[in-house]
Amino acid sequence: MENDATGAPRSESPRSEPSPAHAHADADAARAALDAVAESKALVAERMRRGPRWYNPVYGALCGLLILSMGLPEVWFVVGVVVSAIGLGALAGIYRKRTGIVLGTGNPRPRGIYPWLIAVLGVAAVASYFDGHHGFPLGVPIVAVCAGVACWVLSRRYDAALFELLEGQHDDEVRR
């Protein structure tokens, strides 16, 4: 027998094993909880599908505008950033109104898409800035269009991956 911190003998309480009926009830409760989670995920996916079809192209265009503004003179840079910020805020508001879902709050996140989006925006912003401010102004709209299209495609891929997560195509593997 072991001693506790004071030196007194520590008594061990006997552990009782759960009865088979109790274990079966726990398994049924766990299965019911998993079914409820799958049902709510499917409901969220269905609500997300009510989002406007033009969401992704407009998102890409606003990202392209943001990148375009990086290569413009200071006054136009500020205008581009403000218009992009207002547009992205309005786009999120329209999405919330149509679907009832607030973007970016507690949603499951498909892995692998955010790093690409950040990389595209970061590289494009740097390229646009250097093109616009160091001698290749025609490169600015090219970079902006490429970034906008890439953001549009990544946004669509994000939606597809999120639908796959929400619609439980991976849940079947967890239940086995």
N, C-alpha and C. Protein backbone atom coordinates (compact mmCIF):
# COMPACT_ATOMS: atom_id res chain seq x y z
N MET A 1 0.85 -1.17 0.00
CA MET A 1 0.00 0.00 0.00
C MET A 1 0.89 1.23 0.00
N GLU A 2 0.52 2.24 -0.76
CA GLU A 2 1.31 3.47 -0.88
C GLU A 2 0.88 4.47 0.18
N ASN A 3 1.75 5.43 0.43
CA ASN A 3 1.45 6.50 1.38
C ASN A 3 1.15 7.77 0.61
N ASP A 4 0.29 8.60 1.22
CA ASP A 4 0.01 9.89 0.58
C ASP A 4 1.07 10.90 0.99
N ALA A 5 0.88 12.17 0.68
CA ALA A 5 1.89 13.22 0.94
C ALA A 5 2.17 13.39 2.42
N THR A 6 1.22 13.06 3.29
CA THR A 6 1.44 13.23 4.73
C THR A 6 2.09 12.01 5.35
N GLY A 7 2.25 10.93 4.61
CA GLY A 7 2.86 9.71 5.13
C GLY A 7 1.84 8.69 5.58
N ALA A 8 0.57 9.07 5.61
CA ALA A 8 -0.48 8.14 6.02
C ALA A 8 -0.76 7.17 4.87
N PRO A 9 -1.14 5.96 5.21
CA PRO A 9 -1.45 5.00 4.16
C PRO A 9 -2.64 5.48 3.32
N ARG A 10 -2.49 5.33 2.02
CA ARG A 10 -3.55 5.75 1.11
C ARG A 10 -4.44 4.53 0.85
N SER A 11 -5.70 4.75 1.04
CA SER A 11 -6.62 3.65 0.79
C SER A 11 -7.12 3.76 -0.65
N GLU A 12 -7.13 2.65 -1.29
CA GLU A 12 -7.63 2.62 -2.66
C GLU A 12 -9.04 2.10 -2.65
N SER A 13 -9.91 2.85 -3.31
CA SER A 13 -11.29 2.39 -3.37
C SER A 13 -11.39 1.39 -4.51
N PRO A 14 -12.13 0.36 -4.26
CA PRO A 14 -12.27 -0.65 -5.32
C PRO A 14 -13.02 -0.05 -6.50
N ARG A 15 -12.52 -0.34 -7.70
CA ARG A 15 -13.18 0.14 -8.91
C ARG A 15 -14.23 -0.86 -9.33
N SER A 16 -15.37 -0.30 -9.62
CA SER A 16 -16.43 -1.20 -10.07
C SER A 16 -16.50 -1.15 -11.59
N GLU A 17 -16.63 -2.27 -12.17
CA GLU A 17 -16.75 -2.38 -13.63
C GLU A 17 -18.19 -2.08 -14.00
N PRO A 18 -18.39 -1.33 -15.09
CA PRO A 18 -19.76 -1.05 -15.50
C PRO A 18 -20.45 -2.34 -15.95
N SER A 19 -21.72 -2.38 -15.65
CA SER A 19 -22.48 -3.57 -16.04
C SER A 19 -22.66 -3.56 -17.55
N PRO A 20 -22.89 -4.72 -18.15
CA PRO A 20 -23.11 -4.78 -19.60
C PRO A 20 -24.29 -3.90 -20.05
N ALA A 21 -25.31 -3.83 -19.21
CA ALA A 21 -26.47 -3.00 -19.57
C ALA A 21 -26.07 -1.52 -19.59
N HIS A 22 -25.25 -1.12 -18.61
CA HIS A 22 -24.79 0.27 -18.55
C HIS A 22 -23.90 0.59 -19.75
N ALA A 23 -23.01 -0.32 -20.11
CA ALA A 23 -22.14 -0.11 -21.26
C ALA A 23 -22.96 0.00 -22.55
N HIS A 24 -24.00 -0.80 -22.66
CA HIS A 24 -24.87 -0.74 -23.84
C HIS A 24 -25.60 0.60 -23.92
N ALA A 25 -26.05 1.09 -22.75
CA ALA A 25 -26.73 2.39 -22.71
C ALA A 25 -25.77 3.51 -23.09
N ASP A 26 -24.52 3.42 -22.63
CA ASP A 26 -23.51 4.41 -23.01
C ASP A 26 -23.26 4.39 -24.51
N ALA A 27 -23.18 3.22 -25.09
CA ALA A 27 -22.96 3.10 -26.53
C ALA A 27 -24.14 3.68 -27.30
N ASP A 28 -25.36 3.42 -26.82
CA ASP A 28 -26.54 3.97 -27.48
C ASP A 28 -26.56 5.50 -27.38
N ALA A 29 -26.19 6.03 -26.21
CA ALA A 29 -26.15 7.48 -26.03
C ALA A 29 -25.08 8.10 -26.93
N ALA A 30 -23.93 7.45 -27.04
CA ALA A 30 -22.86 7.96 -27.90
C ALA A 30 -23.30 7.94 -29.36
N ARG A 31 -23.95 6.86 -29.77
CA ARG A 31 -24.44 6.76 -31.15
C ARG A 31 -25.48 7.84 -31.44
N ALA A 32 -26.37 8.07 -30.47
CA ALA A 32 -27.39 9.11 -30.64
C ALA A 32 -26.74 10.50 -30.73
N ALA A 33 -25.71 10.73 -29.92
CA ALA A 33 -25.01 12.01 -29.97
C ALA A 33 -24.32 12.19 -31.32
N LEU A 34 -23.68 11.14 -31.83
CA LEU A 34 -23.03 11.22 -33.14
C LEU A 34 -24.06 11.47 -34.25
N ASP A 35 -25.21 10.82 -34.14
CA ASP A 35 -26.27 11.05 -35.13
C ASP A 35 -26.78 12.48 -35.08
N ALA A 36 -26.90 13.04 -33.87
CA ALA A 36 -27.36 14.43 -33.74
C ALA A 36 -26.34 15.40 -34.34
N VAL A 37 -25.07 15.13 -34.12
CA VAL A 37 -24.02 15.98 -34.70
C VAL A 37 -24.06 15.90 -36.23
N ALA A 38 -24.19 14.69 -36.76
CA ALA A 38 -24.24 14.51 -38.22
C ALA A 38 -25.46 15.23 -38.80
N GLU A 39 -26.58 15.15 -38.10
CA GLU A 39 -27.80 15.82 -38.56
C GLU A 39 -27.63 17.33 -38.57
N SER A 40 -27.01 17.88 -37.52
CA SER A 40 -26.83 19.34 -37.48
C SER A 40 -25.81 19.79 -38.52
N LYS A 41 -24.77 18.98 -38.78
CA LYS A 41 -23.81 19.32 -39.83
C LYS A 41 -24.48 19.33 -41.20
N ALA A 42 -25.34 18.35 -41.45
CA ALA A 42 -26.06 18.31 -42.72
C ALA A 42 -26.98 19.52 -42.86
N LEU A 43 -27.60 19.95 -41.77
CA LEU A 43 -28.46 21.13 -41.80
C LEU A 43 -27.65 22.38 -42.13
N VAL A 44 -26.47 22.51 -41.53
CA VAL A 44 -25.62 23.67 -41.82
C VAL A 44 -25.19 23.65 -43.29
N ALA A 45 -24.84 22.48 -43.81
CA ALA A 45 -24.45 22.38 -45.22
C ALA A 45 -25.60 22.78 -46.13
N GLU A 46 -26.81 22.36 -45.78
CA GLU A 46 -27.98 22.70 -46.59
C GLU A 46 -28.22 24.22 -46.55
N ARG A 47 -28.04 24.82 -45.39
CA ARG A 47 -28.22 26.27 -45.27
C ARG A 47 -27.14 27.01 -46.06
N MET A 48 -25.92 26.48 -46.05
CA MET A 48 -24.83 27.12 -46.79
C MET A 48 -25.09 27.07 -48.30
N ARG A 49 -25.75 26.04 -48.76
CA ARG A 49 -26.04 25.92 -50.19
C ARG A 49 -27.03 26.99 -50.66
N ARG A 50 -27.72 27.65 -49.72
CA ARG A 50 -28.62 28.74 -50.08
C ARG A 50 -27.88 30.05 -50.32
N GLY A 51 -26.58 30.04 -50.12
CA GLY A 51 -25.79 31.24 -50.35
C GLY A 51 -25.84 31.64 -51.82
N PRO A 52 -25.61 32.90 -52.10
CA PRO A 52 -25.69 33.36 -53.49
C PRO A 52 -24.64 32.69 -54.38
N ARG A 53 -25.06 32.30 -55.58
CA ARG A 53 -24.14 31.65 -56.53
C ARG A 53 -23.01 32.57 -56.94
N TRP A 54 -23.25 33.86 -56.89
CA TRP A 54 -22.26 34.82 -57.32
C TRP A 54 -21.28 35.18 -56.22
N TYR A 55 -21.40 34.55 -55.06
CA TYR A 55 -20.53 34.87 -53.92
C TYR A 55 -19.04 34.70 -54.27
N ASN A 56 -18.66 33.54 -54.78
CA ASN A 56 -17.25 33.27 -55.04
C ASN A 56 -16.64 34.20 -56.09
N PRO A 57 -17.31 34.45 -57.24
CA PRO A 57 -16.72 35.38 -58.20
C PRO A 57 -16.58 36.81 -57.65
N VAL A 58 -17.57 37.25 -56.88
CA VAL A 58 -17.48 38.60 -56.30
C VAL A 58 -16.36 38.65 -55.26
N TYR A 59 -16.23 37.59 -54.47
CA TYR A 59 -15.13 37.50 -53.52
C TYR A 59 -13.79 37.60 -54.25
N GLY A 60 -13.64 36.86 -55.34
CA GLY A 60 -12.41 36.92 -56.12
C GLY A 60 -12.16 38.31 -56.69
N ALA A 61 -13.22 38.96 -57.18
CA ALA A 61 -13.08 40.31 -57.73
C ALA A 61 -12.64 41.31 -56.66
N LEU A 62 -13.21 41.18 -55.46
CA LEU A 62 -12.82 42.09 -54.38
C LEU A 62 -11.38 41.85 -53.93
N CYS A 63 -10.97 40.58 -53.91
CA CYS A 63 -9.56 40.29 -53.59
C CYS A 63 -8.65 40.86 -54.68
N GLY A 64 -9.07 40.71 -55.94
CA GLY A 64 -8.30 41.28 -57.05
C GLY A 64 -8.19 42.80 -56.94
N LEU A 65 -9.29 43.45 -56.56
CA LEU A 65 -9.26 44.90 -56.37
C LEU A 65 -8.30 45.30 -55.26
N LEU A 66 -8.30 44.53 -54.19
CA LEU A 66 -7.38 44.79 -53.09
C LEU A 66 -5.93 44.69 -53.57
N ILE A 67 -5.63 43.65 -54.35
CA ILE A 67 -4.27 43.48 -54.88
C ILE A 67 -3.95 44.60 -55.88
N LEU A 68 -4.90 44.96 -56.71
CA LEU A 68 -4.69 46.05 -57.66
C LEU A 68 -4.31 47.33 -56.94
N SER A 69 -4.99 47.60 -55.83
CA SER A 69 -4.74 48.85 -55.11
C SER A 69 -3.32 48.91 -54.55
N MET A 70 -2.70 47.76 -54.31
CA MET A 70 -1.33 47.76 -53.77
C MET A 70 -0.33 48.40 -54.74
N GLY A 71 -0.61 48.33 -56.02
CA GLY A 71 0.33 48.87 -57.00
C GLY A 71 -0.02 50.26 -57.48
N LEU A 72 -1.07 50.84 -56.95
CA LEU A 72 -1.51 52.16 -57.39
C LEU A 72 -0.93 53.27 -56.52
N PRO A 73 -0.96 54.51 -57.01
CA PRO A 73 -0.52 55.63 -56.16
C PRO A 73 -1.35 55.70 -54.88
N GLU A 74 -0.82 56.40 -53.89
CA GLU A 74 -1.38 56.39 -52.53
C GLU A 74 -2.87 56.70 -52.45
N VAL A 75 -3.35 57.71 -53.15
CA VAL A 75 -4.77 58.07 -53.08
C VAL A 75 -5.62 56.90 -53.58
N TRP A 76 -5.25 56.30 -54.69
CA TRP A 76 -6.02 55.18 -55.25
C TRP A 76 -5.85 53.92 -54.42
N PHE A 77 -4.70 53.80 -53.76
CA PHE A 77 -4.50 52.68 -52.84
C PHE A 77 -5.54 52.72 -51.73
N VAL A 78 -5.71 53.90 -51.12
CA VAL A 78 -6.68 54.06 -50.03
C VAL A 78 -8.09 53.79 -50.53
N VAL A 79 -8.44 54.32 -51.71
CA VAL A 79 -9.77 54.09 -52.28
C VAL A 79 -9.99 52.59 -52.51
N GLY A 80 -9.00 51.92 -53.09
CA GLY A 80 -9.12 50.48 -53.36
C GLY A 80 -9.29 49.66 -52.10
N VAL A 81 -8.51 49.98 -51.08
CA VAL A 81 -8.61 49.24 -49.81
C VAL A 81 -9.96 49.48 -49.16
N VAL A 82 -10.43 50.71 -49.15
CA VAL A 82 -11.73 51.03 -48.53
C VAL A 82 -12.86 50.33 -49.28
N VAL A 83 -12.86 50.42 -50.61
CA VAL A 83 -13.91 49.78 -51.40
C VAL A 83 -13.87 48.25 -51.19
N SER A 84 -12.67 47.68 -51.17
CA SER A 84 -12.55 46.23 -50.94
C SER A 84 -13.08 45.83 -49.56
N ALA A 85 -12.71 46.60 -48.56
CA ALA A 85 -13.15 46.29 -47.19
C ALA A 85 -14.66 46.40 -47.06
N ILE A 86 -15.23 47.47 -47.61
CA ILE A 86 -16.69 47.63 -47.56
C ILE A 86 -17.36 46.52 -48.34
N GLY A 87 -16.82 46.20 -49.51
CA GLY A 87 -17.40 45.13 -50.33
C GLY A 87 -17.34 43.77 -49.65
N LEU A 88 -16.20 43.44 -49.03
CA LEU A 88 -16.09 42.16 -48.32
C LEU A 88 -17.03 42.11 -47.12
N GLY A 89 -17.17 43.24 -46.41
CA GLY A 89 -18.12 43.29 -45.29
C GLY A 89 -19.55 43.11 -45.76
N ALA A 90 -19.91 43.79 -46.87
CA ALA A 90 -21.26 43.66 -47.42
C ALA A 90 -21.50 42.24 -47.91
N LEU A 91 -20.49 41.64 -48.53
CA LEU A 91 -20.62 40.26 -49.02
C LEU A 91 -20.88 39.29 -47.87
N ALA A 92 -20.15 39.46 -46.77
CA ALA A 92 -20.37 38.61 -45.59
C ALA A 92 -21.77 38.84 -45.01
N GLY A 93 -22.23 40.10 -45.02
CA GLY A 93 -23.58 40.41 -44.52
C GLY A 93 -24.67 39.78 -45.38
N ILE A 94 -24.51 39.83 -46.69
CA ILE A 94 -25.48 39.21 -47.60
C ILE A 94 -25.50 37.70 -47.38
N TYR A 95 -24.34 37.12 -47.23
CA TYR A 95 -24.25 35.67 -46.99
C TYR A 95 -24.96 35.30 -45.69
N ARG A 96 -24.72 36.09 -44.65
CA ARG A 96 -25.36 35.83 -43.35
C ARG A 96 -26.87 35.96 -43.46
N LYS A 97 -27.33 36.97 -44.20
CA LYS A 97 -28.78 37.18 -44.35
C LYS A 97 -29.43 36.03 -45.12
N ARG A 98 -28.75 35.53 -46.15
CA ARG A 98 -29.31 34.44 -46.97
C ARG A 98 -29.26 33.09 -46.28
N THR A 99 -28.21 32.85 -45.49
CA THR A 99 -28.01 31.51 -44.93
C THR A 99 -28.20 31.44 -43.42
N GLY A 100 -28.08 32.58 -42.74
CA GLY A 100 -28.14 32.57 -41.28
C GLY A 100 -26.82 32.16 -40.65
N ILE A 101 -25.77 32.07 -41.45
CA ILE A 101 -24.46 31.63 -40.97
C ILE A 101 -23.50 32.80 -40.99
N VAL A 102 -22.80 33.00 -39.88
CA VAL A 102 -21.79 34.03 -39.80
C VAL A 102 -20.47 33.39 -40.22
N LEU A 103 -19.87 33.95 -41.26
CA LEU A 103 -18.64 33.38 -41.80
C LEU A 103 -17.49 33.50 -40.81
N GLY A 104 -16.73 32.42 -40.70
CA GLY A 104 -15.50 32.45 -39.92
C GLY A 104 -15.67 32.33 -38.42
N THR A 105 -16.86 31.97 -37.94
CA THR A 105 -17.04 31.85 -36.49
C THR A 105 -17.47 30.43 -36.15
N GLY A 106 -16.53 29.64 -35.73
CA GLY A 106 -16.85 28.30 -35.27
C GLY A 106 -17.13 27.30 -36.37
N ASN A 107 -16.98 27.68 -37.61
CA ASN A 107 -17.19 26.72 -38.69
C ASN A 107 -16.02 25.75 -38.74
N PRO A 108 -16.28 24.51 -39.11
CA PRO A 108 -15.14 23.62 -39.33
C PRO A 108 -14.33 24.17 -40.51
N ARG A 109 -13.06 24.00 -40.46
CA ARG A 109 -12.22 24.56 -41.52
C ARG A 109 -11.50 23.45 -42.26
N PRO A 110 -11.75 23.37 -43.55
CA PRO A 110 -10.99 22.39 -44.33
C PRO A 110 -9.51 22.75 -44.30
N ARG A 111 -8.69 21.75 -44.13
CA ARG A 111 -7.25 22.00 -44.07
C ARG A 111 -6.67 22.23 -45.45
N GLY A 112 -5.62 23.01 -45.49
CA GLY A 112 -4.86 23.16 -46.71
C GLY A 112 -5.27 24.30 -47.62
N ILE A 113 -6.40 24.94 -47.39
CA ILE A 113 -6.84 25.99 -48.31
C ILE A 113 -6.40 27.37 -47.81
N TYR A 114 -6.50 27.63 -46.51
CA TYR A 114 -6.08 28.92 -45.99
C TYR A 114 -4.61 29.23 -46.29
N PRO A 115 -3.70 28.29 -46.11
CA PRO A 115 -2.30 28.62 -46.45
C PRO A 115 -2.13 29.03 -47.92
N TRP A 116 -2.86 28.37 -48.81
CA TRP A 116 -2.77 28.75 -50.22
C TRP A 116 -3.34 30.15 -50.45
N LEU A 117 -4.45 30.44 -49.81
CA LEU A 117 -5.06 31.75 -49.96
C LEU A 117 -4.13 32.85 -49.44
N ILE A 118 -3.55 32.62 -48.29
CA ILE A 118 -2.62 33.60 -47.71
C ILE A 118 -1.39 33.75 -48.61
N ALA A 119 -0.88 32.64 -49.13
CA ALA A 119 0.28 32.70 -50.02
C ALA A 119 -0.04 33.48 -51.29
N VAL A 120 -1.20 33.20 -51.89
CA VAL A 120 -1.60 33.91 -53.12
C VAL A 120 -1.71 35.40 -52.85
N LEU A 121 -2.41 35.76 -51.79
CA LEU A 121 -2.59 37.18 -51.49
C LEU A 121 -1.27 37.86 -51.13
N GLY A 122 -0.43 37.19 -50.36
CA GLY A 122 0.85 37.77 -49.97
C GLY A 122 1.78 37.98 -51.15
N VAL A 123 1.96 36.94 -51.96
CA VAL A 123 2.84 37.05 -53.12
C VAL A 123 2.29 38.08 -54.11
N ALA A 124 0.98 38.05 -54.33
CA ALA A 124 0.37 39.00 -55.27
C ALA A 124 0.50 40.43 -54.77
N ALA A 125 0.32 40.65 -53.48
CA ALA A 125 0.44 42.01 -52.93
C ALA A 125 1.86 42.54 -53.12
N VAL A 126 2.84 41.71 -52.83
CA VAL A 126 4.24 42.13 -53.00
C VAL A 126 4.54 42.40 -54.47
N ALA A 127 4.09 41.49 -55.34
CA ALA A 127 4.33 41.66 -56.78
C ALA A 127 3.64 42.92 -57.31
N SER A 128 2.42 43.15 -56.89
CA SER A 128 1.69 44.33 -57.33
C SER A 128 2.38 45.61 -56.86
N TYR A 129 2.81 45.62 -55.63
CA TYR A 129 3.49 46.80 -55.09
C TYR A 129 4.76 47.08 -55.89
N PHE A 130 5.60 46.06 -56.06
CA PHE A 130 6.86 46.28 -56.77
C PHE A 130 6.65 46.62 -58.24
N ASP A 131 5.66 45.97 -58.87
CA ASP A 131 5.36 46.31 -60.27
C ASP A 131 4.91 47.76 -60.39
N GLY A 132 4.02 48.18 -59.54
CA GLY A 132 3.46 49.53 -59.63
C GLY A 132 4.40 50.63 -59.21
N HIS A 133 5.29 50.34 -58.28
CA HIS A 133 6.15 51.39 -57.74
C HIS A 133 7.59 51.31 -58.23
N HIS A 134 7.90 50.30 -59.04
CA HIS A 134 9.29 50.15 -59.48
C HIS A 134 9.39 49.83 -60.97
N GLY A 135 8.52 50.44 -61.77
CA GLY A 135 8.76 50.43 -63.19
C GLY A 135 8.00 49.48 -64.09
N PHE A 136 7.05 48.70 -63.60
CA PHE A 136 6.29 47.83 -64.50
C PHE A 136 4.80 47.96 -64.19
N PRO A 137 4.21 49.14 -64.47
CA PRO A 137 2.81 49.37 -64.10
C PRO A 137 1.82 48.44 -64.82
N LEU A 138 2.19 47.92 -66.00
CA LEU A 138 1.28 47.00 -66.68
C LEU A 138 1.17 45.65 -65.96
N GLY A 139 2.15 45.36 -65.14
CA GLY A 139 2.11 44.11 -64.38
C GLY A 139 1.07 44.12 -63.27
N VAL A 140 0.71 45.30 -62.80
CA VAL A 140 -0.24 45.42 -61.69
C VAL A 140 -1.59 44.81 -62.03
N PRO A 141 -2.23 45.18 -63.14
CA PRO A 141 -3.52 44.55 -63.44
C PRO A 141 -3.41 43.06 -63.75
N ILE A 142 -2.29 42.64 -64.32
CA ILE A 142 -2.10 41.21 -64.60
C ILE A 142 -2.05 40.43 -63.29
N VAL A 143 -1.26 40.93 -62.35
CA VAL A 143 -1.16 40.29 -61.03
C VAL A 143 -2.52 40.31 -60.33
N ALA A 144 -3.23 41.43 -60.42
CA ALA A 144 -4.54 41.55 -59.74
C ALA A 144 -5.55 40.56 -60.32
N VAL A 145 -5.59 40.43 -61.63
CA VAL A 145 -6.53 39.48 -62.26
C VAL A 145 -6.16 38.05 -61.86
N CYS A 146 -4.87 37.72 -61.91
CA CYS A 146 -4.45 36.37 -61.52
C CYS A 146 -4.81 36.08 -60.05
N ALA A 147 -4.58 37.05 -59.17
CA ALA A 147 -4.92 36.87 -57.75
C ALA A 147 -6.43 36.74 -57.56
N GLY A 148 -7.20 37.56 -58.27
CA GLY A 148 -8.66 37.48 -58.15
C GLY A 148 -9.19 36.13 -58.60
N VAL A 149 -8.69 35.63 -59.72
CA VAL A 149 -9.12 34.31 -60.22
C VAL A 149 -8.70 33.22 -59.24
N ALA A 150 -7.47 33.31 -58.72
CA ALA A 150 -7.00 32.31 -57.76
C ALA A 150 -7.86 32.33 -56.50
N CYS A 151 -8.24 33.51 -56.01
CA CYS A 151 -9.10 33.60 -54.82
C CYS A 151 -10.48 33.04 -55.11
N TRP A 152 -11.01 33.28 -56.29
CA TRP A 152 -12.30 32.72 -56.69
C TRP A 152 -12.23 31.20 -56.67
N VAL A 153 -11.20 30.64 -57.29
CA VAL A 153 -11.05 29.17 -57.34
C VAL A 153 -10.85 28.60 -55.95
N LEU A 154 -10.00 29.23 -55.14
CA LEU A 154 -9.77 28.74 -53.78
C LEU A 154 -11.04 28.83 -52.94
N SER A 155 -11.83 29.87 -53.14
CA SER A 155 -13.09 30.00 -52.41
C SER A 155 -14.06 28.87 -52.78
N ARG A 156 -14.12 28.54 -54.06
CA ARG A 156 -14.97 27.42 -54.49
C ARG A 156 -14.46 26.10 -53.92
N ARG A 157 -13.15 25.91 -53.92
CA ARG A 157 -12.56 24.67 -53.36
C ARG A 157 -12.82 24.59 -51.86
N TYR A 158 -12.75 25.73 -51.18
CA TYR A 158 -13.04 25.78 -49.75
C TYR A 158 -14.48 25.33 -49.50
N ASP A 159 -15.42 25.87 -50.28
CA ASP A 159 -16.83 25.49 -50.14
C ASP A 159 -17.02 24.00 -50.37
N ALA A 160 -16.41 23.46 -51.42
CA ALA A 160 -16.56 22.03 -51.72
C ALA A 160 -16.00 21.18 -50.59
N ALA A 161 -14.84 21.55 -50.07
CA ALA A 161 -14.24 20.79 -48.96
C ALA A 161 -15.08 20.92 -47.70
N LEU A 162 -15.64 22.09 -47.47
CA LEU A 162 -16.48 22.29 -46.29
C LEU A 162 -17.77 21.48 -46.40
N PHE A 163 -18.38 21.45 -47.58
CA PHE A 163 -19.58 20.63 -47.77
C PHE A 163 -19.26 19.16 -47.51
N GLU A 164 -18.12 18.71 -47.97
CA GLU A 164 -17.72 17.32 -47.75
C GLU A 164 -17.58 17.03 -46.26
N LEU A 165 -16.96 17.97 -45.53
CA LEU A 165 -16.83 17.79 -44.09
C LEU A 165 -18.19 17.78 -43.40
N LEU A 166 -19.04 18.72 -43.78
CA LEU A 166 -20.33 18.87 -43.10
C LEU A 166 -21.31 17.77 -43.45
N GLU A 167 -21.24 17.27 -44.66
CA GLU A 167 -22.21 16.26 -45.07
C GLU A 167 -21.82 14.87 -44.61
N GLY A 168 -20.76 14.79 -43.82
CA GLY A 168 -20.46 13.54 -43.12
C GLY A 168 -19.79 12.47 -43.94
N GLN A 169 -19.15 12.81 -45.03
CA GLN A 169 -18.49 11.77 -45.80
C GLN A 169 -17.31 11.19 -45.06
N HIS A 170 -16.80 11.89 -44.04
CA HIS A 170 -15.71 11.36 -43.23
C HIS A 170 -16.22 10.76 -41.94
N ASP A 171 -17.47 11.05 -41.55
CA ASP A 171 -18.02 10.53 -40.31
C ASP A 171 -18.17 9.02 -40.32
N ASP A 172 -18.44 8.44 -41.47
CA ASP A 172 -18.61 6.99 -41.54
C ASP A 172 -17.35 6.27 -41.11
N GLU A 173 -16.18 6.83 -41.44
CA GLU A 173 -14.92 6.22 -41.04
C GLU A 173 -14.76 6.29 -39.54
N VAL A 174 -15.21 7.38 -38.90
CA VAL A 174 -15.06 7.54 -37.46
C VAL A 174 -15.94 6.55 -36.72
N ARG A 175 -17.12 6.25 -37.24
CA ARG A 175 -18.07 5.36 -36.55
C ARG A 175 -17.64 3.90 -36.56
N ARG A 176 -16.77 3.52 -37.46
CA ARG A 176 -16.36 2.10 -37.56
C ARG A 176 -15.48 1.68 -36.45
